[in-house]
Amino acid sequence: VFLLTKDDWLALAATSSVPRTDGKVVWYAVNGYGRTGLGAYFAANSAALEGRLAHLDASIGVEDWLSAVSSASLVLTDSFHGVCFAVIFGRPFAVLLSKGPKSRRMRDFLSALGLSGRMFEDPSEMPPVAELDRPIDFSDVHVRMAAMREELAEFLKTSLERPVAVDAARVRSRRAAVRGMALLQVWGLLGAWWRVGK
């Protein structure tokens, strides 16, 4: 996600055929806790959200999803990728952390960017929409992201240039296993052909 720039992702979002979500609060939840928790938040903030909610689900295309997130006034999510793209596009966001081990990745990521104040474990902890909807100063965040992008690119380059040790005996045993399976399949086909011919 972060090897591409904001402009790269916006170019893809520009190919969307659906209307932009300017002024909308876009929500994207990928797990049951997130859907339930965000539902409780919506109920508690129904007046502020009246006519402003736009739900994204997994059935829409990538371009449409990117367009919606890039043009939202606020992104509410439980998704790591929802957060990543809100940050890339510089959109205000809040994330409802899941109760599982995946929340560690989210915590580490947002902490590294200085955005820990945007994650919540319970919908009752989330501030009112008007407070979340305020612009975030992403200047420092994008500097940190650029450093992360350089570090990631260097890691990939180093990893790809490093020679890989090959265990010849293991390769031979895998080749033998594949040949054996292929022979069994051929014998099975020949047997089936022979039975049909009788």
C-alpha atoms as a PDB file:
ATOM      1  CA  VAL A   1       0.000   0.000   0.000  1.00  0.00           C
ATOM      2  CA  PHE A   2       2.711   2.464   0.987  1.00  0.00           C
ATOM      3  CA  LEU A   3       5.058   1.829  -1.893  1.00  0.00           C
ATOM      4  CA  LEU A   4       2.665   3.861  -4.039  1.00  0.00           C
ATOM      5  CA  THR A   5       2.105   7.558  -3.421  1.00  0.00           C
ATOM      6  CA  LYS A   6      -1.104   9.459  -2.773  1.00  0.00           C
ATOM      7  CA  ASP A   7      -1.077  10.632  -6.398  1.00  0.00           C
ATOM      8  CA  ASP A   8      -0.771   7.044  -7.659  1.00  0.00           C
ATOM      9  CA  TRP A   9      -3.818   6.001  -5.623  1.00  0.00           C
ATOM     10  CA  LEU A  10      -5.776   9.130  -6.610  1.00  0.00           C
ATOM     11  CA  ALA A  11      -5.153   8.329 -10.279  1.00  0.00           C
ATOM     12  CA  LEU A  12      -6.815   4.953  -9.734  1.00  0.00           C
ATOM     13  CA  ALA A  13      -9.652   6.535  -7.729  1.00  0.00           C
ATOM     14  CA  ALA A  14     -10.264   8.956 -10.618  1.00  0.00           C
ATOM     15  CA  THR A  15     -11.348   6.023 -12.800  1.00  0.00           C
ATOM     16  CA  SER A  16     -14.370   5.385 -10.540  1.00  0.00           C
ATOM     17  CA  SER A  17     -17.785   5.705 -12.151  1.00  0.00           C
ATOM     18  CA  VAL A  18     -19.696   6.377  -8.926  1.00  0.00           C
ATOM     19  CA  PRO A  19     -20.325   9.838  -7.429  1.00  0.00           C
ATOM     20  CA  ARG A  20     -17.766  11.138  -4.931  1.00  0.00           C
ATOM     21  CA  THR A  21     -18.604  11.137  -1.223  1.00  0.00           C
ATOM     22  CA  ASP A  22     -17.744  14.795  -0.524  1.00  0.00           C
ATOM     23  CA  GLY A  23     -19.143  15.810   2.866  1.00  0.00           C
ATOM     24  CA  LYS A  24     -20.089  12.219   3.731  1.00  0.00           C
ATOM     25  CA  VAL A  25     -18.992  10.129   6.687  1.00  0.00           C
ATOM     26  CA  VAL A  26     -17.759   6.932   5.071  1.00  0.00           C
ATOM     27  CA  TRP A  27     -17.813   3.787   7.162  1.00  0.00           C
ATOM     28  CA  TYR A  28     -16.165   0.490   6.387  1.00  0.00           C
ATOM     29  CA  ALA A  29     -16.251  -2.426   8.837  1.00  0.00           C
ATOM     30  CA  VAL A  30     -14.809  -5.869   8.184  1.00  0.00           C
ATOM     31  CA  ASN A  31     -15.649  -7.732  11.385  1.00  0.00           C
ATOM     32  CA  GLY A  32     -18.717  -8.253  13.533  1.00  0.00           C
ATOM     33  CA  TYR A  33     -17.424  -6.247  16.486  1.00  0.00           C
ATOM     34  CA  GLY A  34     -16.688  -3.300  14.209  1.00  0.00           C
ATOM     35  CA  ARG A  35     -20.129  -3.411  12.585  1.00  0.00           C
ATOM     36  CA  THR A  36     -21.882  -3.683  15.955  1.00  0.00           C
ATOM     37  CA  GLY A  37     -19.688  -1.048  17.607  1.00  0.00           C
ATOM     38  CA  LEU A  38     -20.007   1.447  14.779  1.00  0.00           C
ATOM     39  CA  GLY A  39     -23.757   0.805  14.729  1.00  0.00           C
ATOM     40  CA  ALA A  40     -23.912   1.791  18.413  1.00  0.00           C
ATOM     41  CA  TYR A  41     -21.860   4.917  17.645  1.00  0.00           C
ATOM     42  CA  PHE A  42     -24.201   5.838  14.786  1.00  0.00           C
ATOM     43  CA  ALA A  43     -27.232   5.447  17.059  1.00  0.00           C
ATOM     44  CA  ALA A  44     -25.648   7.691  19.706  1.00  0.00           C
ATOM     45  CA  ASN A  45     -24.755  10.320  17.066  1.00  0.00           C
ATOM     46  CA  SER A  46     -27.769   9.978  14.782  1.00  0.00           C
ATOM     47  CA  ALA A  47     -28.581  13.708  14.629  1.00  0.00           C
ATOM     48  CA  ALA A  48     -25.052  14.661  13.521  1.00  0.00           C
ATOM     49  CA  LEU A  49     -24.963  11.821  10.980  1.00  0.00           C
ATOM     50  CA  GLU A  50     -28.411  12.360   9.465  1.00  0.00           C
ATOM     51  CA  GLY A  51     -28.054  12.005   5.693  1.00  0.00           C
ATOM     52  CA  ARG A  52     -24.250  11.925   5.862  1.00  0.00           C
ATOM     53  CA  LEU A  53     -23.449   8.205   6.169  1.00  0.00           C
ATOM     54  CA  ALA A  54     -22.041   6.289   3.209  1.00  0.00           C
ATOM     55  CA  HIS A  55     -21.424   2.572   3.773  1.00  0.00           C
ATOM     56  CA  LEU A  56     -18.674   0.775   1.864  1.00  0.00           C
ATOM     57  CA  ASP A  57     -18.824  -2.979   1.550  1.00  0.00           C
ATOM     58  CA  ALA A  58     -16.633  -5.600  -0.041  1.00  0.00           C
ATOM     59  CA  SER A  59     -18.782  -5.807  -3.166  1.00  0.00           C
ATOM     60  CA  ILE A  60     -17.694  -2.479  -4.655  1.00  0.00           C
ATOM     61  CA  GLY A  61     -14.717  -2.164  -6.967  1.00  0.00           C
ATOM     62  CA  VAL A  62     -11.304  -0.946  -5.853  1.00  0.00           C
ATOM     63  CA  GLU A  63     -11.618   2.322  -7.801  1.00  0.00           C
ATOM     64  CA  ASP A  64     -15.003   3.075  -6.223  1.00  0.00           C
ATOM     65  CA  TRP A  65     -13.714   2.234  -2.737  1.00  0.00           C
ATOM     66  CA  LEU A  66     -10.655   4.473  -3.180  1.00  0.00           C
ATOM     67  CA  SER A  67     -12.793   7.296  -4.559  1.00  0.00           C
ATOM     68  CA  ALA A  68     -15.156   7.118  -1.572  1.00  0.00           C
ATOM     69  CA  VAL A  69     -12.368   7.138   1.013  1.00  0.00           C
ATOM     70  CA  SER A  70     -10.357   9.859  -0.760  1.00  0.00           C
ATOM     71  CA  SER A  71     -13.326  12.237  -0.904  1.00  0.00           C
ATOM     72  CA  ALA A  72     -14.898  11.513   2.509  1.00  0.00           C
ATOM     73  CA  SER A  73     -15.087  14.187   5.173  1.00  0.00           C
ATOM     74  CA  LEU A  74     -14.546  11.460   7.813  1.00  0.00           C
ATOM     75  CA  VAL A  75     -13.689   7.737   7.667  1.00  0.00           C
ATOM     76  CA  LEU A  76     -14.945   5.433  10.438  1.00  0.00           C
ATOM     77  CA  THR A  77     -13.565   1.915  10.261  1.00  0.00           C
ATOM     78  CA  ASP A  78     -12.245  -1.176  11.983  1.00  0.00           C
ATOM     79  CA  SER A  79     -10.049  -2.044   9.016  1.00  0.00           C
ATOM     80  CA  PHE A  80      -6.274  -1.696   8.779  1.00  0.00           C
ATOM     81  CA  HIS A  81      -6.561  -0.842   5.085  1.00  0.00           C
ATOM     82  CA  GLY A  82      -9.336   1.634   5.825  1.00  0.00           C
ATOM     83  CA  VAL A  83      -6.955   3.427   8.195  1.00  0.00           C
ATOM     84  CA  CYS A  84      -4.013   3.194   5.770  1.00  0.00           C
ATOM     85  CA  PHE A  85      -5.945   4.847   2.979  1.00  0.00           C
ATOM     86  CA  ALA A  86      -7.473   7.504   5.251  1.00  0.00           C
ATOM     87  CA  VAL A  87      -3.899   8.405   6.228  1.00  0.00           C
ATOM     88  CA  ILE A  88      -2.611   8.294   2.633  1.00  0.00           C
ATOM     89  CA  PHE A  89      -5.440  10.579   1.474  1.00  0.00           C
ATOM     90  CA  GLY A  90      -5.172  12.849   4.530  1.00  0.00           C
ATOM     91  CA  ARG A  91      -8.775  12.254   5.620  1.00  0.00           C
ATOM     92  CA  PRO A  92      -9.919  12.571   9.245  1.00  0.00           C
ATOM     93  CA  PHE A  93     -10.633   9.103  10.635  1.00  0.00           C
ATOM     94  CA  ALA A  94     -11.368   7.043  13.710  1.00  0.00           C
ATOM     95  CA  VAL A  95     -10.746   3.336  14.100  1.00  0.00           C
ATOM     96  CA  LEU A  96     -12.612   0.969  16.374  1.00  0.00           C
ATOM     97  CA  LEU A  97     -10.056  -1.656  17.364  1.00  0.00           C
ATOM     98  CA  SER A  98     -11.040  -5.283  17.078  1.00  0.00           C
ATOM     99  CA  LYS A  99     -10.759  -7.564  20.073  1.00  0.00           C
ATOM    100  CA  GLY A 100      -8.277  -9.887  18.351  1.00  0.00           C
ATOM    101  CA  PRO A 101      -4.527 -10.046  17.727  1.00  0.00           C
ATOM    102  CA  LYS A 102      -4.805  -7.897  14.578  1.00  0.00           C
ATOM    103  CA  SER A 103      -5.254  -4.809  16.742  1.00  0.00           C
ATOM    104  CA  ARG A 104      -1.529  -4.919  17.590  1.00  0.00           C
ATOM    105  CA  ARG A 105      -0.619  -4.125  13.971  1.00  0.00           C
ATOM    106  CA  MET A 106      -3.031  -1.180  14.039  1.00  0.00           C
ATOM    107  CA  ARG A 107      -1.660   0.077  17.358  1.00  0.00           C
ATOM    108  CA  ASP A 108       1.952  -0.163  16.176  1.00  0.00           C
ATOM    109  CA  PHE A 109       1.180   1.578  12.901  1.00  0.00           C
ATOM    110  CA  LEU A 110      -0.773   4.467  14.401  1.00  0.00           C
ATOM    111  CA  SER A 111       1.758   4.891  17.220  1.00  0.00           C
ATOM    112  CA  ALA A 112       4.606   5.096  14.702  1.00  0.00           C
ATOM    113  CA  LEU A 113       2.721   7.863  12.889  1.00  0.00           C
ATOM    114  CA  GLY A 114       1.780   9.752  16.061  1.00  0.00           C
ATOM    115  CA  LEU A 115      -1.945   9.067  15.559  1.00  0.00           C
ATOM    116  CA  SER A 116      -2.719   6.936  18.645  1.00  0.00           C
ATOM    117  CA  GLY A 117      -5.493   9.332  19.625  1.00  0.00           C
ATOM    118  CA  ARG A 118      -7.537   8.143  16.636  1.00  0.00           C
ATOM    119  CA  MET A 119      -8.026   4.568  17.883  1.00  0.00           C
ATOM    120  CA  PHE A 120     -10.703   3.421  20.287  1.00  0.00           C
ATOM    121  CA  GLU A 121     -11.466   0.088  21.940  1.00  0.00           C
ATOM    122  CA  ASP A 122     -15.105   0.837  22.665  1.00  0.00           C
ATOM    123  CA  PRO A 123     -17.594   2.986  20.733  1.00  0.00           C
ATOM    124  CA  SER A 124     -18.509   4.782  23.966  1.00  0.00           C
ATOM    125  CA  GLU A 125     -14.928   6.172  24.032  1.00  0.00           C
ATOM    126  CA  MET A 126     -15.319   7.802  20.618  1.00  0.00           C
ATOM    127  CA  PRO A 127     -15.854  11.577  20.698  1.00  0.00           C
ATOM    128  CA  PRO A 128     -18.819  13.204  18.915  1.00  0.00           C
ATOM    129  CA  VAL A 129     -18.784  13.348  15.109  1.00  0.00           C
ATOM    130  CA  ALA A 130     -18.106  17.104  15.097  1.00  0.00           C
ATOM    131  CA  GLU A 131     -14.873  16.493  16.990  1.00  0.00           C
ATOM    132  CA  LEU A 132     -13.722  13.585  14.811  1.00  0.00           C
ATOM    133  CA  ASP A 133     -14.669  15.469  11.643  1.00  0.00           C
ATOM    134  CA  ARG A 134     -12.072  18.191  12.247  1.00  0.00           C
ATOM    135  CA  PRO A 135      -9.080  18.203   9.899  1.00  0.00           C
ATOM    136  CA  ILE A 136      -5.922  16.448  11.074  1.00  0.00           C
ATOM    137  CA  ASP A 137      -2.528  18.028  10.457  1.00  0.00           C
ATOM    138  CA  PHE A 138      -0.927  15.281   8.401  1.00  0.00           C
ATOM    139  CA  SER A 139       2.322  17.146   7.610  1.00  0.00           C
ATOM    140  CA  ASP A 140       4.365  15.287  10.263  1.00  0.00           C
ATOM    141  CA  VAL A 141       2.517  12.047   9.497  1.00  0.00           C
ATOM    142  CA  HIS A 142       3.435  12.206   5.816  1.00  0.00           C
ATOM    143  CA  VAL A 143       7.087  12.908   6.684  1.00  0.00           C
ATOM    144  CA  ARG A 144       7.083   9.777   8.864  1.00  0.00           C
ATOM    145  CA  MET A 145       5.343   7.812   6.095  1.00  0.00           C
ATOM    146  CA  ALA A 146       7.960   8.912   3.548  1.00  0.00           C
ATOM    147  CA  ALA A 147      10.688   7.628   5.877  1.00  0.00           C
ATOM    148  CA  MET A 148       8.800   4.335   6.293  1.00  0.00           C
ATOM    149  CA  ARG A 149       8.410   4.068   2.509  1.00  0.00           C
ATOM    150  CA  GLU A 150      12.171   4.543   2.015  1.00  0.00           C
ATOM    151  CA  GLU A 151      12.933   1.986   4.713  1.00  0.00           C
ATOM    152  CA  LEU A 152      10.533  -0.514   3.155  1.00  0.00           C
ATOM    153  CA  ALA A 153      11.939   0.010  -0.349  1.00  0.00           C
ATOM    154  CA  GLU A 154      15.489  -0.489   0.978  1.00  0.00           C
ATOM    155  CA  PHE A 155      14.436  -3.663   2.822  1.00  0.00           C
ATOM    156  CA  LEU A 156      12.828  -5.080  -0.341  1.00  0.00           C
ATOM    157  CA  LYS A 157      15.852  -4.170  -2.458  1.00  0.00           C
ATOM    158  CA  THR A 158      18.268  -5.777   0.015  1.00  0.00           C
ATOM    159  CA  SER A 159      16.099  -8.872   0.361  1.00  0.00           C
ATOM    160  CA  LEU A 160      15.799  -9.346  -3.381  1.00  0.00           C
ATOM    161  CA  GLU A 161      19.533  -8.869  -3.975  1.00  0.00           C
ATOM    162  CA  ARG A 162      20.561 -11.333  -1.252  1.00  0.00           C
ATOM    163  CA  PRO A 163      21.587 -14.754  -2.603  1.00  0.00           C
ATOM    164  CA  VAL A 164      19.293 -17.563  -1.593  1.00  0.00           C
ATOM    165  CA  ALA A 165      20.845 -20.769  -0.280  1.00  0.00           C
ATOM    166  CA  VAL A 166      19.436 -23.815  -2.037  1.00  0.00           C
ATOM    167  CA  ASP A 167      19.342 -27.203  -0.373  1.00  0.00           C
ATOM    168  CA  ALA A 168      19.956 -29.517  -3.355  1.00  0.00           C
ATOM    169  CA  ALA A 169      18.795 -32.657  -1.510  1.00  0.00           C
ATOM    170  CA  ARG A 170      15.508 -31.005  -0.595  1.00  0.00           C
ATOM    171  CA  VAL A 171      14.967 -29.843  -4.186  1.00  0.00           C
ATOM    172  CA  ARG A 172      15.616 -33.396  -5.452  1.00  0.00           C
ATOM    173  CA  SER A 173      13.188 -34.917  -2.955  1.00  0.00           C
ATOM    174  CA  ARG A 174      10.484 -32.406  -3.945  1.00  0.00           C
ATOM    175  CA  ARG A 175      11.063 -33.112  -7.632  1.00  0.00           C
ATOM    176  CA  ALA A 176      10.773 -36.852  -6.928  1.00  0.00           C
ATOM    177  CA  ALA A 177       7.544 -36.311  -5.016  1.00  0.00           C
ATOM    178  CA  VAL A 178       6.079 -34.230  -7.861  1.00  0.00           C
ATOM    179  CA  ARG A 179       7.124 -36.864 -10.438  1.00  0.00           C
ATOM    180  CA  GLY A 180       5.565 -39.586  -8.277  1.00  0.00           C
ATOM    181  CA  MET A 181       2.299 -37.677  -8.014  1.00  0.00           C
ATOM    182  CA  ALA A 182       2.286 -37.055 -11.767  1.00  0.00           C
ATOM    183  CA  LEU A 183       2.844 -40.757 -12.434  1.00  0.00           C
ATOM    184  CA  LEU A 184      -0.014 -41.684 -10.116  1.00  0.00           C
ATOM    185  CA  GLN A 185      -2.289 -39.259 -11.946  1.00  0.00           C
ATOM    186  CA  VAL A 186      -1.254 -40.684 -15.331  1.00  0.00           C
ATOM    187  CA  TRP A 187      -1.823 -44.263 -14.104  1.00  0.00           C
ATOM    188  CA  GLY A 188      -5.208 -43.195 -12.753  1.00  0.00           C
ATOM    189  CA  LEU A 189      -6.164 -41.662 -16.113  1.00  0.00           C
ATOM    190  CA  LEU A 190      -4.923 -44.709 -18.025  1.00  0.00           C
ATOM    191  CA  GLY A 191      -6.862 -46.999 -15.700  1.00  0.00           C
ATOM    192  CA  ALA A 192     -10.024 -44.943 -16.168  1.00  0.00           C
ATOM    193  CA  TRP A 193      -9.526 -44.919 -19.951  1.00  0.00           C
ATOM    194  CA  TRP A 194      -8.937 -48.694 -19.953  1.00  0.00           C
ATOM    195  CA  ARG A 195     -12.086 -49.345 -17.862  1.00  0.00           C
ATOM    196  CA  VAL A 196     -14.189 -47.148 -20.156  1.00  0.00           C
ATOM    197  CA  GLY A 197     -12.828 -48.982 -23.224  1.00  0.00           C
ATOM    198  CA  LYS A 198     -13.890 -52.393 -21.888  1.00  0.00           C
END
